[in-house]
Amino acid sequence: MTLDIPSQYETILQNAVASGAFASQEDALKHALELLAVEQQAPAQSGSADRAARFRAWAEGHSPANHFVDDSRESIY
């Protein structure tokens, strides 16, 4: 397959490779297409209730800290 990529997008690919984020332009393009595929598979957001439900599901996926955690502001200074 041969693609004609507009120069602005080619520059983005070149910059991504130059920054060291990707080994090649093909890798950068593959990553972009994978993100597009995920975006297309994600359900349409129905608003704040949907965001809140997804956040709760994300939070519940993490194990709780079973030890003391100093979350006071004084501990960061």
N, C-alpha and C. Protein backbone atom coordinates (compact mmCIF):
# COMPACT_ATOMS: atom_id res chain seq x y z
N MET A 1 0.85 -1.17 0.00
CA MET A 1 0.00 0.00 0.00
C MET A 1 0.90 1.24 0.00
N THR A 2 0.54 2.18 -0.80
CA THR A 2 1.26 3.45 -0.86
C THR A 2 0.32 4.55 -0.41
N LEU A 3 0.81 5.39 0.48
CA LEU A 3 -0.01 6.49 0.98
C LEU A 3 0.65 7.82 0.66
N ASP A 4 -0.15 8.79 0.30
CA ASP A 4 0.33 10.16 0.13
C ASP A 4 -0.03 10.91 1.39
N ILE A 5 0.98 11.22 2.20
CA ILE A 5 0.76 11.89 3.48
C ILE A 5 1.06 13.38 3.30
N PRO A 6 0.12 14.24 3.70
CA PRO A 6 0.37 15.68 3.61
C PRO A 6 1.63 16.06 4.37
N SER A 7 2.31 17.08 3.90
CA SER A 7 3.60 17.46 4.47
C SER A 7 3.54 17.77 5.96
N GLN A 8 2.43 18.36 6.41
CA GLN A 8 2.33 18.69 7.84
C GLN A 8 2.36 17.42 8.69
N TYR A 9 1.74 16.33 8.20
CA TYR A 9 1.73 15.08 8.96
C TYR A 9 3.06 14.35 8.83
N GLU A 10 3.68 14.49 7.70
CA GLU A 10 5.01 13.89 7.51
C GLU A 10 6.00 14.55 8.47
N THR A 11 5.87 15.86 8.65
CA THR A 11 6.73 16.57 9.59
C THR A 11 6.52 16.06 11.01
N ILE A 12 5.28 15.81 11.37
CA ILE A 12 4.97 15.27 12.70
C ILE A 12 5.64 13.91 12.87
N LEU A 13 5.57 13.06 11.86
CA LEU A 13 6.21 11.75 11.93
C LEU A 13 7.72 11.88 12.05
N GLN A 14 8.30 12.78 11.27
CA GLN A 14 9.74 12.99 11.32
C GLN A 14 10.18 13.49 12.69
N ASN A 15 9.41 14.40 13.27
CA ASN A 15 9.74 14.94 14.59
C ASN A 15 9.62 13.86 15.67
N ALA A 16 8.64 12.99 15.53
CA ALA A 16 8.48 11.91 16.51
C ALA A 16 9.68 10.97 16.48
N VAL A 17 10.19 10.69 15.29
CA VAL A 17 11.38 9.84 15.16
C VAL A 17 12.61 10.58 15.66
N ALA A 18 12.74 11.84 15.31
CA ALA A 18 13.90 12.63 15.73
C ALA A 18 13.98 12.78 17.24
N SER A 19 12.83 12.80 17.90
CA SER A 19 12.80 12.95 19.36
C SER A 19 13.20 11.66 20.07
N GLY A 20 13.25 10.57 19.31
CA GLY A 20 13.61 9.29 19.90
C GLY A 20 12.42 8.49 20.41
N ALA A 21 11.23 9.03 20.22
CA ALA A 21 10.03 8.35 20.69
C ALA A 21 9.72 7.09 19.87
N PHE A 22 10.15 7.09 18.61
CA PHE A 22 9.91 5.96 17.73
C PHE A 22 11.16 5.66 16.93
N ALA A 23 11.33 4.39 16.57
CA ALA A 23 12.50 3.98 15.80
C ALA A 23 12.37 4.37 14.34
N SER A 24 11.14 4.47 13.84
CA SER A 24 10.94 4.79 12.43
C SER A 24 9.61 5.52 12.26
N GLN A 25 9.45 6.12 11.08
CA GLN A 25 8.18 6.77 10.76
C GLN A 25 7.06 5.74 10.71
N GLU A 26 7.38 4.54 10.27
CA GLU A 26 6.37 3.48 10.21
C GLU A 26 5.88 3.13 11.61
N ASP A 27 6.79 3.09 12.59
CA ASP A 27 6.39 2.81 13.97
C ASP A 27 5.50 3.92 14.52
N ALA A 28 5.84 5.16 14.21
CA ALA A 28 5.04 6.29 14.67
C ALA A 28 3.65 6.26 14.04
N LEU A 29 3.58 5.95 12.77
CA LEU A 29 2.29 5.87 12.08
C LEU A 29 1.46 4.70 12.61
N LYS A 30 2.12 3.59 12.88
CA LYS A 30 1.42 2.42 13.45
C LYS A 30 0.81 2.80 14.80
N HIS A 31 1.57 3.51 15.62
CA HIS A 31 1.07 3.94 16.92
C HIS A 31 -0.15 4.85 16.75
N ALA A 32 -0.08 5.78 15.83
CA ALA A 32 -1.20 6.69 15.58
C ALA A 32 -2.44 5.92 15.13
N LEU A 33 -2.24 4.92 14.30
CA LEU A 33 -3.39 4.13 13.82
C LEU A 33 -3.97 3.26 14.94
N GLU A 34 -3.11 2.78 15.83
CA GLU A 34 -3.61 2.02 16.98
C GLU A 34 -4.46 2.91 17.89
N LEU A 35 -4.03 4.15 18.08
CA LEU A 35 -4.82 5.09 18.88
C LEU A 35 -6.16 5.37 18.21
N LEU A 36 -6.16 5.50 16.90
CA LEU A 36 -7.39 5.72 16.16
C LEU A 36 -8.34 4.53 16.33
N ALA A 37 -7.80 3.33 16.26
CA ALA A 37 -8.62 2.13 16.42
C ALA A 37 -9.26 2.08 17.81
N VAL A 38 -8.48 2.43 18.83
CA VAL A 38 -9.01 2.44 20.19
C VAL A 38 -10.09 3.50 20.32
N GLU A 39 -9.84 4.66 19.75
CA GLU A 39 -10.81 5.76 19.80
C GLU A 39 -12.13 5.35 19.13
N GLN A 40 -12.05 4.65 18.02
CA GLN A 40 -13.25 4.25 17.31
C GLN A 40 -14.02 3.16 18.04
N GLN A 41 -13.31 2.36 18.83
CA GLN A 41 -13.97 1.28 19.58
C GLN A 41 -14.58 1.78 20.88
N ALA A 42 -14.10 2.91 21.39
CA ALA A 42 -14.60 3.45 22.66
C ALA A 42 -16.03 3.92 22.48
N PRO A 43 -16.88 3.66 23.48
CA PRO A 43 -18.26 4.14 23.36
C PRO A 43 -18.30 5.66 23.43
N ALA A 44 -19.26 6.22 22.78
CA ALA A 44 -19.43 7.67 22.79
C ALA A 44 -19.70 8.13 24.22
N GLN A 45 -19.09 9.20 24.62
CA GLN A 45 -19.29 9.71 25.97
C GLN A 45 -20.69 10.29 26.09
N SER A 46 -21.35 9.89 27.18
CA SER A 46 -22.70 10.41 27.38
C SER A 46 -22.73 11.52 28.42
N GLY A 47 -21.57 12.01 28.79
CA GLY A 47 -21.54 13.12 29.73
C GLY A 47 -20.79 12.79 30.99
N SER A 48 -21.04 13.60 32.00
CA SER A 48 -20.28 13.48 33.24
C SER A 48 -20.58 12.18 33.98
N ALA A 49 -21.78 11.65 33.89
CA ALA A 49 -22.11 10.39 34.57
C ALA A 49 -21.28 9.25 34.00
N ASP A 50 -21.11 9.26 32.69
CA ASP A 50 -20.30 8.21 32.05
C ASP A 50 -18.84 8.35 32.45
N ARG A 51 -18.33 9.57 32.46
CA ARG A 51 -16.94 9.81 32.88
C ARG A 51 -16.73 9.36 34.32
N ALA A 52 -17.68 9.68 35.18
CA ALA A 52 -17.57 9.30 36.59
C ALA A 52 -17.58 7.79 36.74
N ALA A 53 -18.42 7.11 35.98
CA ALA A 53 -18.48 5.65 36.06
C ALA A 53 -17.17 5.03 35.58
N ARG A 54 -16.60 5.58 34.50
CA ARG A 54 -15.33 5.04 34.01
C ARG A 54 -14.19 5.32 34.99
N PHE A 55 -14.25 6.48 35.66
CA PHE A 55 -13.23 6.79 36.66
C PHE A 55 -13.34 5.83 37.84
N ARG A 56 -14.57 5.58 38.31
CA ARG A 56 -14.74 4.64 39.42
C ARG A 56 -14.25 3.25 39.05
N ALA A 57 -14.54 2.81 37.84
CA ALA A 57 -14.07 1.51 37.39
C ALA A 57 -12.55 1.48 37.34
N TRP A 58 -11.93 2.56 36.89
CA TRP A 58 -10.47 2.65 36.86
C TRP A 58 -9.91 2.60 38.27
N ALA A 59 -10.50 3.37 39.17
CA ALA A 59 -10.01 3.43 40.55
C ALA A 59 -10.15 2.08 41.25
N GLU A 60 -11.25 1.40 41.00
CA GLU A 60 -11.46 0.09 41.63
C GLU A 60 -10.48 -0.95 41.11
N GLY A 61 -9.88 -0.70 39.98
CA GLY A 61 -8.90 -1.62 39.42
C GLY A 61 -7.54 -1.55 40.08
N HIS A 62 -7.36 -0.61 40.99
CA HIS A 62 -6.09 -0.45 41.70
C HIS A 62 -6.23 -1.00 43.11
N SER A 63 -5.20 -1.65 43.58
CA SER A 63 -5.25 -2.20 44.93
C SER A 63 -5.06 -1.07 45.95
N PRO A 64 -5.76 -1.17 47.08
CA PRO A 64 -5.64 -0.11 48.09
C PRO A 64 -4.29 -0.18 48.80
N ALA A 65 -3.87 0.95 49.34
CA ALA A 65 -2.63 0.98 50.13
C ALA A 65 -2.96 0.42 51.50
N ASN A 66 -2.28 -0.65 51.88
CA ASN A 66 -2.53 -1.29 53.17
C ASN A 66 -1.55 -0.83 54.23
N HIS A 67 -1.07 0.40 54.08
CA HIS A 67 -0.14 0.98 55.04
C HIS A 67 -0.45 2.46 55.16
N PHE A 68 0.14 3.10 56.16
CA PHE A 68 -0.09 4.53 56.37
C PHE A 68 0.47 5.33 55.20
N VAL A 69 -0.33 6.22 54.69
CA VAL A 69 0.10 7.12 53.61
C VAL A 69 -0.14 8.55 54.11
N ASP A 70 0.96 9.30 54.22
CA ASP A 70 0.86 10.68 54.68
C ASP A 70 0.49 11.55 53.49
N ASP A 71 -0.76 11.92 53.40
CA ASP A 71 -1.22 12.74 52.27
C ASP A 71 -1.47 14.18 52.68
N SER A 72 -0.89 14.59 53.80
CA SER A 72 -1.04 15.98 54.22
C SER A 72 -0.14 16.88 53.39
N ARG A 73 -0.51 18.10 53.24
CA ARG A 73 0.30 19.05 52.46
C ARG A 73 1.67 19.27 53.08
N GLU A 74 1.76 19.19 54.40
CA GLU A 74 3.02 19.43 55.07
C GLU A 74 4.09 18.41 54.66
N SER A 75 3.66 17.23 54.27
CA SER A 75 4.65 16.19 53.93
C SER A 75 5.34 16.45 52.60
N ILE A 76 4.86 17.40 51.82
CA ILE A 76 5.49 17.63 50.52
C ILE A 76 6.47 18.79 50.54
N TYR A 77 6.61 19.45 51.69
CA TYR A 77 7.52 20.59 51.76
C TYR A 77 8.81 20.21 52.40
